[in-house]
């Protein structure tokens, strides 16, 4: 039983061969700007909490928060937001 050699053919497509040739649309700009905005707001929130965290533990503070409720903001000033939280299930 003889096998035939497969015939090679060219497939025409409108998809660019390289990722950098793909079209960039308004939707992509909205995602980039939205993520950038959230990133800035998250950094601002972490900065504000870090600035007032020490005040919250003072005995005369109206919003007195014990040290264990504040987290580890004093020991880890350079850690990104959320890095001190567990990533899976309750601990």
Protein backbone atom coordinates (compact mmCIF):
# COMPACT_ATOMS: atom_id res chain seq x y z
CA UNK A 1 0.00 0.00 0.00
CA UNK A 2 1.65 3.21 -1.19
CA UNK A 3 1.28 6.47 0.75
CA UNK A 4 0.91 9.75 -1.09
CA UNK A 5 3.08 12.67 -0.06
CA UNK A 6 0.99 15.44 1.53
CA UNK A 7 0.56 18.49 -0.64
CA UNK A 8 1.69 21.73 0.94
CA UNK A 9 -0.37 24.85 0.44
CA UNK A 10 -0.32 28.44 1.67
CA UNK A 11 -3.12 29.60 3.96
CA UNK A 12 -4.18 33.22 3.43
CA UNK A 13 -5.26 35.05 6.62
CA UNK A 14 -5.88 38.60 7.82
CA UNK A 15 -4.15 37.93 11.18
CA UNK A 16 -0.70 39.53 11.39
CA UNK A 17 2.23 37.19 11.91
CA UNK A 18 3.60 39.31 14.75
CA UNK A 19 1.85 40.43 17.95
CA UNK A 20 3.12 44.00 17.57
CA UNK A 21 1.30 44.27 14.25
CA UNK A 22 -2.10 43.60 15.82
CA UNK A 23 -4.47 46.59 15.87
CA UNK A 24 -4.62 48.73 19.03
CA UNK A 25 -8.16 49.96 19.66
CA UNK A 26 -10.00 52.33 21.98
CA UNK A 27 -10.87 49.36 24.20
CA UNK A 28 -7.17 48.69 24.83
CA UNK A 29 -6.61 52.32 25.86
CA UNK A 30 -9.57 52.11 28.25
CA UNK A 31 -8.11 49.00 29.92
CA UNK A 32 -4.64 50.53 30.24
CA UNK A 33 -5.96 53.83 31.64
CA UNK A 34 -8.39 52.04 33.97
CA UNK A 35 -5.70 49.77 35.39
CA UNK A 36 -3.30 52.70 35.77
CA UNK A 37 -5.94 54.71 37.63
CA UNK A 38 -6.67 51.84 40.02
CA UNK A 39 -2.95 51.30 40.57
CA UNK A 40 -2.49 54.97 41.52
CA UNK A 41 -5.53 54.97 43.82
CA UNK A 42 -4.34 51.79 45.53
CA UNK A 43 -0.94 53.34 46.13
CA UNK A 44 -2.58 56.47 47.51
CA UNK A 45 -4.72 54.41 49.90
CA UNK A 46 -1.68 52.50 51.16
CA UNK A 47 0.20 55.77 51.65
CA UNK A 48 -2.68 57.30 53.64
CA UNK A 49 -3.08 54.22 55.85
CA UNK A 50 0.66 54.12 56.43
CA UNK A 51 0.66 57.80 57.39
CA UNK A 52 -2.18 57.56 59.92
CA UNK A 53 -1.52 53.99 61.11
CA UNK A 54 0.58 55.11 64.08
CA UNK A 55 -2.08 57.58 65.19
CA UNK A 56 -4.75 54.88 65.30
CA UNK A 57 -2.91 52.99 68.05
CA UNK A 58 -2.54 55.93 70.42
CA UNK A 59 -4.62 55.65 73.58
CA UNK A 60 -6.39 58.98 73.04
CA UNK A 61 -7.40 58.13 69.49
CA UNK A 62 -11.12 58.09 68.68
CA UNK A 63 -10.68 55.17 66.29
CA UNK A 64 -8.48 53.11 68.59
CA UNK A 65 -7.28 50.02 66.71
CA UNK A 66 -5.14 47.41 68.44
CA UNK A 67 -1.86 46.56 66.76
CA UNK A 68 -3.05 43.16 65.51
CA UNK A 69 -5.98 44.81 63.67
CA UNK A 70 -3.76 47.22 61.74
CA UNK A 71 -1.57 44.56 60.20
CA UNK A 72 2.15 44.86 59.77
CA UNK A 73 2.35 48.32 58.21
CA UNK A 74 5.19 49.47 60.48
CA UNK A 75 7.47 46.49 59.89
CA UNK A 76 7.01 46.29 56.10
CA UNK A 77 6.91 49.80 54.63
CA UNK A 78 8.22 48.73 51.20
CA UNK A 79 5.90 45.77 50.65
CA UNK A 80 3.21 46.29 47.98
CA UNK A 81 -0.42 46.54 49.04
CA UNK A 82 -1.98 43.20 49.84
CA UNK A 83 1.32 41.34 50.15
CA UNK A 84 0.77 40.80 53.88
CA UNK A 85 -2.63 39.17 53.29
CA UNK A 86 -3.06 35.42 52.86
CA UNK A 87 -3.51 34.37 49.25
CA UNK A 88 -5.61 31.28 49.85
CA UNK A 89 -8.32 30.31 52.36
CA UNK A 90 -8.62 31.51 55.94
CA UNK A 91 -5.61 31.13 58.21
